[in-house]
Amino acid sequence: MRVNAVLATALYSSAALLGQVRADDTDDAVESSSTSIEETSTTSAIEKPTFTPSKIKADFFEQFTDDWDSRWKPSHAKKEDSKTTEEWAYVGEWAVEEPHVFKAIEQDKGLVVKNPAAHHAISAKFPKKIDNKKNTLVVQYEVKLQNGLECGGAYMKLLQDNKALHAEEFSNASPYVIMFGPDKCGATNKVHFIFKHKNPKTGEYEEKHLKSAPTAKITKGTTNLYTLIVYEDNEFEIKINGESSKKGNLLEDFTPSVNPDKEIDDPKDTKPEDWVDEARIADPEATKPEDWDEDAPFEIIDEEATKPDDWLEDEPTMVSDPEAEKPEDWDDEEDGDWIPPTVPNPKCEEVSGCGKWEPPTKKNPAYKGKWTPEYIDNPAYKGVWAPAKIPNPDYFEDKTPSKFEPMGAIGFEIWTMQSDILFDNIYIGHSVGDAEKLKAETYDVKHAIEVAEEEASKPPPAKESPKSPMDLKFMDDPVHYVREKVDLFWAIAKNDPVEAVKALPEVAGGIGALAVTVIALIVGIIGLSAAPPPQVQKAAEKVKQSAMDTKDQVVDAASTATEKSQAELNKRTTRSSGPAE
């Protein structure tokens, strides 16, 4: 009775285990379905505000309202290129429209570059010139790369106040005061800050480029805000999306520098003929030792070496391939006698070598190479020569480069491989506070909605791929672990029992132990029961025979795997234990 109770308990536990596995599968399906329904029911459209023009005032403030074309004029001038004689026309089209990617504010329009791989130019005159001599200058605008940016510019130019400036003639040659904004192509990815400075002596203008310019934000579809602040004390700051990205000084952080050197090299000064600029020389008193043999070879024959006992001197290193066959279309009269290809002599693989034996070489202990004298400090050394310094005749000092020349217009003059670059909310004035307020009214609002739109447009994350049975851990899910391991074992065993035992020895051992346990239980049942029913005897015999078959199959597979592994091991040991070549 005790054995019957044990068997009953085992069968009940097995049924419960299988039931739990099925229940887990069902629960997973129900939970997945519930999650899908919940996600679908909670998805809703993102509320968007309607555009309202800002009341902020500035020297120039543009939100591209309906009267925008009264201010902005496209250019159809020829693009000048000093490097070639080829000319380009500004054929790129412009439009003012709402964004088609992640639109955040209804009826909010911007200036859009419409053509890829084209030169674009457009400008707008200021109501009155902007004079920065006694003010802080603040330049701020939004850039939305609706198709990304692989190669092209999205920068602006503040043009020099000039009566000769005509919008239809605006080009890359038009004089500007400041160039600011992102630019990317190939390895270049930065936010330009360039200003033109006038030499007070020559009257010529020179571009001053920011050193270590910050990296531009190249995000597809979402707006980025670029801000430039230049203070009266020559300090400047570049912000991207409201965060400081670069601070510096106009006198220290630009190349070439605003002010030239006070002194320069004397162009008339030349190095004296007797000037000695060699710091070290060969020791003139050094002599080659008498026992120094420059002709001694680097290697010599090892006279102590002896031929290995297993060296097969009469065996060639290469032999004809015994498996090679003369091609059927080979014609001895036309192609000559057929000679089979050669292969390495298999007899040489198990010994030190074949063919004529020659003693190896070794490093010559007498080798010294070519003799050279040691180097010593040169007593006549005078140091590195440099020309004398003289006062720079072109020297000047501008202590306030922040006092830029008056600016009369703004222009976008760019080339880009991507279309649909959108510009909006351009502020050019003198109030850092107003620029911050504008950011809060426009950029902050649209950026939050754009991010939400971007997240909503992303496809749902793909479910994690199920782990390989070999990567599972027992403690993570014992039921799943056992089931996957057994399934994998039988899948491999159908084609190659040996590989199944080698790959999953723990399963093979478990099956063997299970078979023995079942046999013991059945034998106990039959032995203790006085008169078991016929159906029990029949079932017991069937289980016993199945268990014995399973045990024999696992044992045979394990034995075959062991013999096969031992044969491979013997083969490798035999190969590796022979004398080295």
Protein backbone atom coordinates (compact mmCIF):
# COMPACT_ATOMS: atom_id res chain seq x y z
CA MET A 1 0.00 0.00 0.00
CA ARG A 2 2.87 2.34 0.73
CA VAL A 3 4.30 1.87 -2.76
CA ASN A 4 0.89 2.46 -4.31
CA ALA A 5 0.65 5.68 -2.38
CA VAL A 6 4.07 6.81 -3.64
CA LEU A 7 3.12 6.03 -7.24
CA ALA A 8 -0.18 7.81 -6.86
CA THR A 9 1.59 10.85 -5.46
CA ALA A 10 4.09 10.84 -8.34
CA LEU A 11 1.34 10.58 -10.97
CA TYR A 12 -0.64 13.35 -9.28
CA SER A 13 2.42 15.60 -9.15
CA SER A 14 3.09 14.99 -12.85
CA ALA A 15 -0.48 15.85 -13.75
CA ALA A 16 -0.33 18.96 -11.61
CA LEU A 17 2.96 19.97 -13.22
CA LEU A 18 1.58 19.58 -16.74
CA GLY A 19 -1.53 21.42 -15.72
CA GLN A 20 0.53 24.29 -14.34
CA VAL A 21 2.50 24.50 -17.59
CA ARG A 22 -0.69 24.66 -19.64
CA ALA A 23 -2.18 27.19 -17.20
CA ASP A 24 0.93 29.36 -17.50
CA ASP A 25 0.61 29.34 -21.29
CA THR A 26 -3.08 30.27 -21.05
CA ASP A 27 -2.43 33.04 -18.52
CA ASP A 28 0.27 34.50 -20.77
CA ALA A 29 -2.14 34.57 -23.71
CA VAL A 30 -4.89 36.18 -21.63
CA GLU A 31 -2.50 38.76 -20.18
CA SER A 32 -1.17 39.58 -23.67
CA SER A 33 -4.72 40.00 -24.98
CA SER A 34 -5.70 42.19 -22.02
CA THR A 35 -2.63 44.37 -22.48
CA SER A 36 -3.39 44.80 -26.17
CA ILE A 37 -6.99 45.82 -25.42
CA GLU A 38 -5.87 48.23 -22.70
CA GLU A 39 -3.29 49.86 -24.97
CA THR A 40 -5.84 50.26 -27.73
CA SER A 41 -8.43 51.80 -25.44
CA THR A 42 -6.01 54.28 -23.85
CA THR A 43 -4.53 55.58 -27.13
CA SER A 44 -5.84 59.05 -27.91
CA ALA A 45 -4.96 61.99 -30.17
CA ILE A 46 -2.57 64.61 -28.79
CA GLU A 47 -4.24 67.96 -28.22
CA LYS A 48 -2.58 70.82 -30.09
CA PRO A 49 -2.93 74.55 -29.51
CA THR A 50 -3.66 77.02 -32.31
CA PHE A 51 -1.03 79.54 -33.36
CA THR A 52 -1.36 83.01 -31.87
CA PRO A 53 1.16 85.70 -32.89
CA SER A 54 3.47 86.72 -30.06
CA LYS A 55 3.35 90.26 -28.64
CA ILE A 56 7.12 90.32 -28.10
CA LYS A 57 8.87 93.21 -29.84
CA ALA A 58 12.35 93.25 -31.38
CA ASP A 59 14.41 95.04 -34.01
CA PHE A 60 13.48 92.15 -36.28
CA PHE A 61 10.94 89.49 -35.32
CA GLU A 62 9.53 87.02 -37.82
CA GLN A 63 6.84 84.35 -37.31
CA PHE A 64 5.92 84.06 -41.00
CA THR A 65 2.39 85.33 -40.82
CA ASP A 66 0.27 85.79 -43.95
CA ASP A 67 2.05 89.01 -44.97
CA TRP A 68 5.49 87.33 -44.95
CA ASP A 69 6.05 87.80 -48.71
CA SER A 70 5.99 91.57 -48.27
CA ARG A 71 9.24 91.23 -46.32
CA TRP A 72 11.03 88.24 -47.83
CA LYS A 73 12.29 88.18 -51.41
CA PRO A 74 13.92 85.16 -53.10
CA SER A 75 17.14 85.79 -55.00
CA HIS A 76 17.81 84.73 -58.57
CA ALA A 77 21.40 85.93 -58.73
CA LYS A 78 24.34 83.87 -59.90
CA LYS A 79 26.42 82.17 -57.21
CA GLU A 80 30.06 83.20 -57.39
CA ASP A 81 32.80 80.63 -56.80
CA SER A 82 36.39 81.81 -56.79
CA LYS A 83 37.68 78.24 -57.04
CA THR A 84 36.09 77.52 -60.41
CA THR A 85 34.70 79.38 -63.39
CA GLU A 86 31.41 77.49 -63.11
CA GLU A 87 28.33 79.41 -62.06
CA TRP A 88 25.26 78.28 -60.16
CA ALA A 89 21.90 79.96 -60.13
CA TYR A 90 19.74 80.14 -57.03
CA VAL A 91 16.96 78.00 -58.46
CA GLY A 92 15.79 76.57 -55.12
CA GLU A 93 12.19 77.40 -54.26
CA TRP A 94 10.86 78.67 -50.94
CA ALA A 95 7.45 78.34 -49.33
CA VAL A 96 5.76 79.29 -46.08
CA GLU A 97 3.71 76.40 -44.78
CA GLU A 98 2.87 74.25 -41.80
CA PRO A 99 5.23 71.34 -41.08
CA HIS A 100 4.24 67.94 -42.42
CA VAL A 101 6.28 66.05 -39.79
CA PHE A 102 5.23 66.19 -36.11
CA LYS A 103 3.09 69.28 -36.45
CA ALA A 104 2.77 70.71 -32.94
CA ILE A 105 0.75 73.92 -33.26
CA GLU A 106 -2.17 74.31 -35.62
CA GLN A 107 -1.79 77.04 -38.29
CA ASP A 108 1.84 77.66 -37.22
CA LYS A 109 3.84 78.21 -40.40
CA GLY A 110 7.52 78.53 -41.18
CA LEU A 111 9.88 79.30 -44.06
CA VAL A 112 10.62 76.04 -45.88
CA VAL A 113 13.40 75.00 -48.28
CA LYS A 114 11.51 73.11 -50.98
CA ASN A 115 14.12 71.54 -53.27
CA PRO A 116 16.83 68.97 -52.50
CA ALA A 117 20.29 69.32 -54.07
CA ALA A 118 19.76 72.97 -54.98
CA HIS A 119 21.10 76.40 -54.13
CA HIS A 120 18.65 78.57 -52.19
CA ALA A 121 18.83 82.27 -51.34
CA ILE A 122 16.26 84.54 -49.75
CA SER A 123 16.52 87.72 -47.67
CA ALA A 124 14.48 90.30 -45.76
CA LYS A 125 15.45 93.88 -44.99
CA PHE A 126 15.21 95.17 -41.45
CA PRO A 127 12.72 97.98 -40.76
CA LYS A 128 15.76 99.97 -39.68
CA LYS A 129 19.44 99.12 -39.35
CA ILE A 130 20.52 97.26 -36.24
CA ASP A 131 23.42 99.01 -34.53
CA ASN A 132 25.15 96.95 -31.88
CA LYS A 133 27.75 99.42 -30.67
CA LYS A 134 26.14 100.00 -27.26
CA ASN A 135 23.95 96.94 -26.85
CA THR A 136 23.93 93.23 -26.26
CA LEU A 137 23.12 91.38 -29.49
CA VAL A 138 20.71 88.43 -29.35
CA VAL A 139 20.09 86.23 -32.39
CA GLN A 140 17.66 83.31 -32.04
CA TYR A 141 15.75 81.09 -34.46
CA GLU A 142 14.27 77.62 -34.85
CA VAL A 143 15.39 74.93 -37.30
CA LYS A 144 13.22 71.90 -38.05
CA LEU A 145 14.88 69.26 -40.25
CA GLN A 146 11.79 67.45 -41.50
CA ASN A 147 13.82 65.08 -43.70
CA GLY A 148 16.96 65.10 -41.58
CA LEU A 149 20.24 66.58 -42.79
CA GLU A 150 22.96 64.52 -44.44
CA CYS A 151 24.77 67.31 -46.23
CA GLY A 152 23.86 70.96 -46.20
CA GLY A 153 23.60 74.17 -44.25
CA ALA A 154 20.83 75.69 -42.15
CA TYR A 155 22.62 78.85 -41.05
CA MET A 156 21.62 82.51 -41.40
CA LYS A 157 23.56 85.62 -42.34
CA LEU A 158 23.10 89.09 -40.90
CA LEU A 159 23.97 91.31 -43.85
CA GLN A 160 25.89 94.53 -43.78
CA ASP A 161 23.74 97.66 -43.96
CA ASN A 162 24.34 98.69 -47.53
CA LYS A 163 22.31 100.92 -49.85
CA ALA A 164 23.43 98.77 -52.76
CA LEU A 165 21.86 95.68 -51.21
CA HIS A 166 19.00 94.45 -53.38
CA ALA A 167 17.13 91.29 -52.47
CA GLU A 168 17.13 89.94 -56.01
CA GLU A 169 20.92 90.23 -56.08
CA PHE A 170 21.58 88.61 -52.71
CA SER A 171 24.26 85.90 -53.08
CA ASN A 172 27.23 84.29 -51.36
CA ALA A 173 29.25 87.36 -52.34
CA SER A 174 26.98 89.78 -50.48
CA PRO A 175 28.86 91.35 -47.54
CA TYR A 176 27.72 90.06 -44.19
CA VAL A 177 28.56 90.87 -40.56
CA ILE A 178 27.64 87.62 -38.77
CA MET A 179 27.03 84.08 -39.96
CA PHE A 180 25.39 81.79 -37.41
CA GLY A 181 23.75 78.37 -37.40
CA PRO A 182 24.14 74.64 -38.02
CA ASP A 183 26.05 73.07 -40.90
CA LYS A 184 26.63 69.38 -41.61
CA CYS A 185 28.32 67.46 -44.41
CA GLY A 186 30.59 64.47 -44.08
CA ALA A 187 32.89 64.89 -41.09
CA THR A 188 31.71 68.49 -40.60
CA ASN A 189 28.95 68.92 -38.02
CA LYS A 190 29.03 72.21 -36.15
CA VAL A 191 27.28 75.43 -35.30
CA HIS A 192 28.98 78.24 -37.19
CA PHE A 193 29.74 81.54 -35.54
CA ILE A 194 31.70 83.72 -37.95
CA PHE A 195 31.99 87.48 -37.88
CA LYS A 196 33.70 89.80 -40.30
CA HIS A 197 36.16 92.28 -38.84
CA LYS A 198 37.49 95.38 -40.57
CA ASN A 199 41.19 96.14 -40.41
CA PRO A 200 41.33 99.81 -39.35
CA LYS A 201 44.64 100.31 -41.18
CA THR A 202 43.95 98.63 -44.51
CA GLY A 203 40.15 98.81 -44.55
CA GLU A 204 39.99 95.15 -45.56
CA TYR A 205 37.57 92.67 -44.02
CA GLU A 206 38.62 89.31 -42.63
CA GLU A 207 36.48 86.41 -41.47
CA LYS A 208 36.97 85.35 -37.85
CA HIS A 209 35.94 81.73 -37.23
CA LEU A 210 35.02 80.32 -33.85
CA LYS A 211 37.51 77.72 -32.66
CA SER A 212 36.07 74.46 -31.27
CA ALA A 213 32.55 75.21 -32.46
CA PRO A 214 29.76 73.22 -30.75
CA THR A 215 28.13 70.26 -32.49
CA ALA A 216 24.81 70.88 -34.21
CA LYS A 217 21.66 69.00 -33.21
CA ILE A 218 20.76 66.90 -36.23
CA THR A 219 17.37 65.44 -35.29
CA LYS A 220 14.82 64.40 -37.87
CA GLY A 221 11.41 66.00 -37.46
CA THR A 222 11.81 67.75 -34.12
CA THR A 223 12.58 71.46 -33.74
CA ASN A 224 15.92 72.74 -32.43
CA LEU A 225 16.48 76.26 -31.12
CA TYR A 226 19.75 78.13 -31.74
CA THR A 227 20.62 81.24 -29.73
CA LEU A 228 23.64 83.54 -30.00
CA ILE A 229 24.30 86.23 -27.38
CA VAL A 230 27.16 88.73 -27.77
CA TYR A 231 27.76 91.06 -24.81
CA GLU A 232 29.35 94.50 -24.81
CA ASP A 233 32.45 93.18 -23.01
CA ASN A 234 33.25 90.83 -25.93
CA GLU A 235 31.93 87.76 -24.10
CA PHE A 236 29.59 85.51 -26.07
CA GLU A 237 27.42 82.47 -25.47
CA ILE A 238 25.82 79.94 -27.80
CA LYS A 239 22.76 78.06 -26.59
CA ILE A 240 21.12 75.05 -28.18
CA ASN A 241 17.56 74.34 -27.08
CA GLY A 242 18.03 76.76 -24.20
CA GLU A 243 21.12 75.04 -22.79
CA SER A 244 24.53 76.68 -22.87
CA SER A 245 26.73 74.97 -25.42
CA LYS A 246 29.70 77.33 -25.78
CA LYS A 247 31.03 80.38 -23.96
CA GLY A 248 34.03 82.47 -24.85
CA ASN A 249 35.56 85.79 -25.81
CA LEU A 250 35.79 87.43 -29.22
CA LEU A 251 39.44 88.35 -28.58
CA GLU A 252 40.53 84.86 -27.52
CA ASP A 253 38.43 82.17 -29.19
CA PHE A 254 38.56 83.03 -32.89
CA THR A 255 41.00 82.35 -35.69
CA PRO A 256 42.68 84.29 -37.09
CA SER A 257 42.80 86.47 -33.99
CA VAL A 258 41.14 89.89 -34.09
CA ASN A 259 44.37 91.75 -33.26
CA PRO A 260 47.65 90.89 -34.98
CA ASP A 261 50.91 90.28 -33.08
CA LYS A 262 52.79 93.31 -31.89
CA GLU A 263 56.04 91.90 -33.23
CA ILE A 264 56.81 89.80 -36.28
CA ASP A 265 59.89 88.01 -37.63
CA ASP A 266 62.31 90.29 -39.42
CA PRO A 267 61.98 89.24 -43.09
CA LYS A 268 65.50 90.53 -43.78
CA ASP A 269 67.20 88.50 -41.06
CA THR A 270 69.02 85.36 -42.23
CA LYS A 271 70.83 82.58 -40.39
CA PRO A 272 74.66 83.09 -40.24
CA GLU A 273 76.71 80.61 -42.23
CA ASP A 274 78.67 79.52 -39.15
CA TRP A 275 75.56 78.90 -37.06
CA VAL A 276 75.63 75.40 -35.53
CA ASP A 277 72.16 73.99 -34.89
CA GLU A 278 73.07 70.31 -34.42
CA ALA A 279 72.54 69.48 -30.74
CA ARG A 280 74.36 66.10 -30.88
CA ILE A 281 77.17 64.76 -33.07
CA ALA A 282 79.11 61.54 -33.53
CA ASP A 283 82.02 61.31 -31.08
CA PRO A 284 85.07 62.29 -33.23
CA GLU A 285 87.43 60.48 -30.82
CA ALA A 286 85.63 57.16 -30.93
CA THR A 287 87.36 54.27 -32.76
CA LYS A 288 86.15 50.84 -33.78
CA PRO A 289 87.40 48.01 -31.49
CA GLU A 290 89.96 45.67 -33.06
CA ASP A 291 87.77 42.58 -32.46
CA TRP A 292 84.73 44.15 -34.10
CA ASP A 293 83.84 41.99 -37.12
CA GLU A 294 81.39 43.84 -39.35
CA ASP A 295 81.26 40.92 -41.80
CA ALA A 296 80.07 38.31 -39.28
CA PRO A 297 76.69 36.93 -40.46
CA PHE A 298 73.56 37.30 -38.37
CA GLU A 299 72.88 33.51 -38.39
CA ILE A 300 75.14 30.46 -38.70
CA ILE A 301 74.54 26.71 -39.14
CA ASP A 302 73.91 24.85 -35.89
CA GLU A 303 76.77 22.35 -35.91
CA GLU A 304 75.39 20.56 -32.85
CA ALA A 305 72.06 19.72 -34.46
CA THR A 306 71.43 16.07 -35.41
CA LYS A 307 68.91 14.51 -37.73
CA PRO A 308 65.84 13.14 -35.84
CA ASP A 309 65.61 9.35 -35.72
CA ASP A 310 62.22 9.33 -37.45
CA TRP A 311 63.25 11.62 -40.30
CA LEU A 312 62.28 9.97 -43.64
CA GLU A 313 65.00 11.18 -45.95
CA ASP A 314 63.92 8.90 -48.80
CA GLU A 315 60.35 10.15 -48.73
CA PRO A 316 59.43 13.21 -50.85
CA THR A 317 57.52 16.01 -49.16
CA MET A 318 54.92 16.02 -51.98
CA VAL A 319 53.37 13.04 -53.79
CA SER A 320 50.87 12.58 -56.58
CA ASP A 321 47.27 12.77 -55.44
CA PRO A 322 46.05 9.14 -55.45
CA GLU A 323 42.44 10.27 -55.74
CA ALA A 324 43.02 12.49 -58.77
CA GLU A 325 41.63 11.27 -62.09
CA LYS A 326 42.48 12.39 -65.57
CA PRO A 327 39.68 14.56 -66.99
CA GLU A 328 37.53 12.83 -69.59
CA ASP A 329 38.16 15.58 -72.15
CA TRP A 330 41.96 15.37 -71.73
CA ASP A 331 43.66 14.77 -75.11
CA ASP A 332 47.25 13.46 -74.75
CA GLU A 333 48.12 14.55 -78.29
CA GLU A 334 46.91 18.10 -77.77
CA ASP A 335 47.35 18.55 -74.04
CA GLY A 336 50.43 16.38 -73.51
CA ASP A 337 50.91 13.70 -70.91
CA TRP A 338 48.53 14.14 -68.00
CA ILE A 339 50.30 14.59 -64.69
CA PRO A 340 48.19 14.28 -61.55
CA PRO A 341 48.40 17.14 -59.04
CA THR A 342 50.53 16.72 -55.95
CA VAL A 343 49.49 16.74 -52.29
CA PRO A 344 51.51 16.69 -49.06
CA ASN A 345 52.95 13.27 -48.36
CA PRO A 346 50.76 11.70 -45.63
CA LYS A 347 53.76 9.73 -44.36
CA CYS A 348 55.39 13.00 -43.34
CA GLU A 349 52.54 14.03 -41.06
CA GLU A 350 53.40 11.55 -38.31
CA VAL A 351 57.17 12.18 -38.26
CA SER A 352 59.59 15.08 -37.85
CA GLY A 353 60.04 15.57 -41.57
CA CYS A 354 60.81 14.16 -45.03
CA GLY A 355 63.27 14.75 -47.83
CA LYS A 356 66.89 15.74 -47.58
CA TRP A 357 67.74 16.78 -44.01
CA GLU A 358 69.82 19.91 -43.49
CA PRO A 359 70.91 21.28 -40.11
CA PRO A 360 69.00 24.40 -38.99
CA THR A 361 70.56 27.81 -38.42
CA LYS A 362 70.94 29.68 -35.16
CA LYS A 363 71.82 33.26 -34.14
CA ASN A 364 75.52 34.01 -34.51
CA PRO A 365 76.95 34.96 -31.09
CA ALA A 366 79.78 36.82 -32.88
CA TYR A 367 77.38 39.04 -34.87
CA LYS A 368 77.75 42.78 -34.11
CA GLY A 369 76.68 44.49 -37.32
CA LYS A 370 78.06 47.71 -38.74
CA TRP A 371 80.01 49.76 -36.22
CA THR A 372 78.98 53.37 -35.60
CA PRO A 373 80.46 55.82 -33.10
CA GLU A 374 78.44 56.95 -30.11
CA TYR A 375 76.78 60.38 -30.15
CA ILE A 376 77.73 63.12 -27.73
CA ASP A 377 76.51 66.64 -27.00
CA ASN A 378 77.84 69.09 -29.58
CA PRO A 379 80.12 71.60 -27.81
CA ALA A 380 79.61 74.11 -30.65
CA TYR A 381 75.81 73.95 -30.52
CA LYS A 382 74.20 77.42 -30.46
CA GLY A 383 70.55 76.43 -30.29
CA VAL A 384 67.64 76.65 -32.72
CA TRP A 385 68.02 79.71 -34.91
CA ALA A 386 65.10 82.10 -35.27
CA PRO A 387 64.96 85.45 -37.02
CA ALA A 388 65.00 88.58 -34.94
CA LYS A 389 61.72 90.23 -33.99
CA ILE A 390 60.74 93.68 -35.21
CA PRO A 391 57.66 95.83 -34.53
CA ASN A 392 54.72 94.80 -36.71
CA PRO A 393 54.05 97.71 -39.10
CA ASP A 394 50.45 96.47 -39.53
CA TYR A 395 49.74 96.17 -35.85
CA PHE A 396 46.55 97.59 -34.42
CA GLU A 397 44.48 96.91 -31.33
CA ASP A 398 40.72 96.71 -31.35
CA LYS A 399 39.56 96.25 -27.78
CA THR A 400 35.85 96.11 -28.64
CA PRO A 401 35.23 93.83 -31.62
CA SER A 402 31.73 93.30 -30.19
CA LYS A 403 30.82 96.66 -31.70
CA PHE A 404 29.81 95.13 -35.00
CA GLU A 405 29.11 97.22 -38.04
CA PRO A 406 25.45 98.12 -38.63
CA MET A 407 23.33 95.30 -40.06
CA GLY A 408 20.55 95.97 -42.56
CA ALA A 409 19.06 92.60 -43.53
CA ILE A 410 18.86 88.89 -42.81
CA GLY A 411 19.45 86.21 -45.42
CA PHE A 412 19.49 82.44 -45.84
CA GLU A 413 21.99 81.48 -48.54
CA ILE A 414 22.45 77.72 -48.41
CA TRP A 415 22.94 74.54 -50.39
CA THR A 416 21.48 71.30 -49.11
CA MET A 417 20.88 67.75 -50.22
CA GLN A 418 17.69 67.53 -48.14
CA SER A 419 14.50 69.48 -48.69
CA ASP A 420 11.85 70.70 -46.23
CA ILE A 421 14.17 72.47 -43.79
CA LEU A 422 11.87 74.80 -41.85
CA PHE A 423 12.88 78.09 -40.18
CA ASP A 424 10.64 79.89 -37.71
CA ASN A 425 10.43 82.40 -34.82
CA ILE A 426 13.42 84.51 -35.80
CA TYR A 427 14.39 87.00 -33.11
CA ILE A 428 17.11 89.62 -33.63
CA GLY A 429 17.29 92.21 -30.89
CA HIS A 430 18.94 93.14 -27.64
CA SER A 431 16.92 91.50 -24.86
CA VAL A 432 18.01 88.15 -23.45
CA GLY A 433 14.82 88.13 -21.36
CA ASP A 434 12.56 88.57 -24.37
CA ALA A 435 14.37 85.78 -26.20
CA GLU A 436 13.72 83.53 -23.19
CA LYS A 437 10.03 84.52 -23.16
CA LEU A 438 9.77 83.71 -26.86
CA LYS A 439 11.36 80.34 -26.23
CA ALA A 440 8.74 79.60 -23.56
CA GLU A 441 5.88 80.68 -25.87
CA THR A 442 7.01 78.79 -28.95
CA TYR A 443 9.84 76.28 -28.72
CA ASP A 444 8.95 74.85 -25.31
CA VAL A 445 5.34 74.29 -26.35
CA LYS A 446 6.03 72.71 -29.72
CA HIS A 447 9.00 70.64 -28.55
CA ALA A 448 6.92 68.88 -25.89
CA ILE A 449 4.21 68.06 -28.42
CA GLU A 450 6.74 66.96 -31.07
CA VAL A 451 8.35 64.55 -28.63
CA ALA A 452 4.92 63.13 -27.76
CA GLU A 453 4.09 62.82 -31.48
CA GLU A 454 7.39 61.10 -32.10
CA GLU A 455 6.80 58.60 -29.32
CA ALA A 456 3.26 57.93 -30.51
CA SER A 457 4.47 57.29 -34.07
CA LYS A 458 6.98 54.65 -33.02
CA PRO A 459 5.91 51.05 -33.64
CA PRO A 460 5.25 49.01 -30.50
CA PRO A 461 8.42 47.36 -29.22
CA ALA A 462 8.92 43.88 -30.54
CA LYS A 463 8.46 41.14 -28.01
CA GLU A 464 11.72 39.79 -26.71
CA SER A 465 12.82 36.74 -28.67
CA PRO A 466 12.51 33.57 -26.59
CA LYS A 467 15.77 32.50 -25.08
CA SER A 468 17.59 29.46 -26.44
CA PRO A 469 17.09 26.42 -24.19
CA MET A 470 20.85 26.48 -23.66
CA ASP A 471 20.56 29.99 -22.14
CA LEU A 472 17.75 29.18 -19.68
CA LYS A 473 18.31 29.03 -15.94
CA PHE A 474 16.54 26.52 -13.73
CA MET A 475 15.76 28.98 -10.94
CA ASP A 476 14.10 31.48 -13.33
CA ASP A 477 11.33 29.02 -14.30
CA PRO A 478 11.88 25.35 -13.33
CA VAL A 479 8.91 24.05 -15.33
CA HIS A 480 9.88 25.93 -18.50
CA TYR A 481 13.52 24.93 -18.02
CA VAL A 482 12.75 21.18 -17.80
CA ARG A 483 10.27 21.22 -20.66
CA GLU A 484 12.57 23.13 -23.05
CA LYS A 485 15.59 20.98 -22.21
CA VAL A 486 13.71 17.71 -22.77
CA ASP A 487 12.15 18.96 -26.03
CA LEU A 488 15.57 19.99 -27.32
CA PHE A 489 17.07 16.65 -26.28
CA TRP A 490 14.51 14.61 -28.22
CA ALA A 491 14.70 16.93 -31.24
CA ILE A 492 18.45 16.32 -31.47
CA ALA A 493 18.18 12.62 -30.59
CA LYS A 494 15.87 11.94 -33.55
CA ASN A 495 18.75 12.68 -35.93
CA ASP A 496 21.80 11.92 -33.80
CA PRO A 497 21.47 10.36 -30.32
CA VAL A 498 25.19 10.75 -29.75
CA GLU A 499 25.04 14.51 -30.26
CA ALA A 500 21.98 14.69 -27.98
CA VAL A 501 23.88 13.04 -25.13
CA LYS A 502 26.95 15.23 -25.73
CA ALA A 503 24.92 18.44 -25.90
CA LEU A 504 22.59 17.73 -22.98
CA PRO A 505 24.18 15.14 -20.68
CA GLU A 506 22.02 16.30 -17.76
CA VAL A 507 18.85 15.33 -19.66
CA ALA A 508 20.29 11.97 -20.68
CA GLY A 509 21.24 11.24 -17.08
CA GLY A 510 17.82 12.33 -15.87
CA ILE A 511 16.02 10.09 -18.35
CA GLY A 512 18.19 7.15 -17.32
CA ALA A 513 17.50 7.80 -13.64
CA LEU A 514 13.79 8.21 -14.35
CA ALA A 515 13.74 4.88 -16.18
CA VAL A 516 15.39 3.10 -13.27
CA THR A 517 13.01 4.75 -10.78
CA VAL A 518 9.94 3.74 -12.79
CA ILE A 519 11.19 0.17 -13.04
CA ALA A 520 11.78 0.05 -9.29
CA LEU A 521 8.31 1.41 -8.60
CA ILE A 522 6.66 -1.09 -10.93
CA VAL A 523 8.62 -4.00 -9.50
CA GLY A 524 7.65 -2.87 -6.00
CA ILE A 525 4.01 -2.66 -6.98
CA ILE A 526 4.02 -6.13 -8.50
CA GLY A 527 5.98 -7.60 -5.61
CA LEU A 528 3.89 -6.14 -2.80
CA SER A 529 0.48 -6.50 -4.36
CA ALA A 530 -0.97 -9.94 -3.72
CA ALA A 531 -3.25 -10.01 -6.69
CA PRO A 532 -3.00 -6.94 -8.90
CA PRO A 533 -5.75 -6.53 -11.44
CA PRO A 534 -4.97 -7.72 -15.00
CA GLN A 535 -5.16 -4.18 -16.39
CA VAL A 536 -2.60 -3.01 -13.82
CA GLN A 537 -0.25 -5.87 -14.72
CA LYS A 538 -0.57 -5.07 -18.41
CA ALA A 539 0.04 -1.36 -17.88
CA ALA A 540 2.95 -2.09 -15.59
CA GLU A 541 4.58 -4.38 -18.15
CA LYS A 542 4.13 -1.73 -20.84
CA VAL A 543 5.66 1.01 -18.69
CA LYS A 544 8.47 -1.34 -17.66
CA GLN A 545 9.29 -2.21 -21.28
CA SER A 546 9.14 1.48 -22.32
CA ALA A 547 11.40 2.45 -19.44
CA MET A 548 13.86 -0.32 -20.31
CA ASP A 549 13.90 0.79 -23.97
CA THR A 550 14.50 4.39 -22.92
CA LYS A 551 17.27 3.37 -20.54
CA ASP A 552 18.94 1.19 -23.21
CA GLN A 553 18.73 3.97 -25.81
CA VAL A 554 20.25 6.55 -23.48
CA VAL A 555 22.98 4.13 -22.32
CA ASP A 556 23.79 3.13 -25.91
CA ALA A 557 23.91 6.76 -26.98
CA ALA A 558 26.11 7.69 -24.05
CA SER A 559 28.40 4.71 -24.71
CA THR A 560 28.65 5.54 -28.41
CA ALA A 561 29.35 9.18 -27.60
CA THR A 562 32.04 8.16 -25.12
CA GLU A 563 33.68 5.79 -27.62
CA LYS A 564 33.54 8.41 -30.34
CA SER A 565 35.01 11.08 -28.06
CA GLN A 566 37.74 8.70 -26.87
CA ALA A 567 38.61 7.88 -30.49
CA GLU A 568 38.92 11.60 -31.30
CA LEU A 569 41.02 12.08 -28.18
CA ASN A 570 43.31 9.17 -29.10
CA LYS A 571 43.68 10.52 -32.60
CA ARG A 572 44.67 13.99 -31.37
CA THR A 573 47.00 12.51 -28.74
CA THR A 574 48.73 10.35 -31.32
CA ARG A 575 49.21 13.33 -33.65
CA SER A 576 50.44 15.70 -30.97
CA SER A 577 52.75 13.25 -29.19
CA GLY A 578 55.02 12.76 -32.18
CA PRO A 579 58.30 14.67 -32.63
CA ALA A 580 57.93 18.27 -33.63
CA GLU A 581 58.75 19.21 -37.18
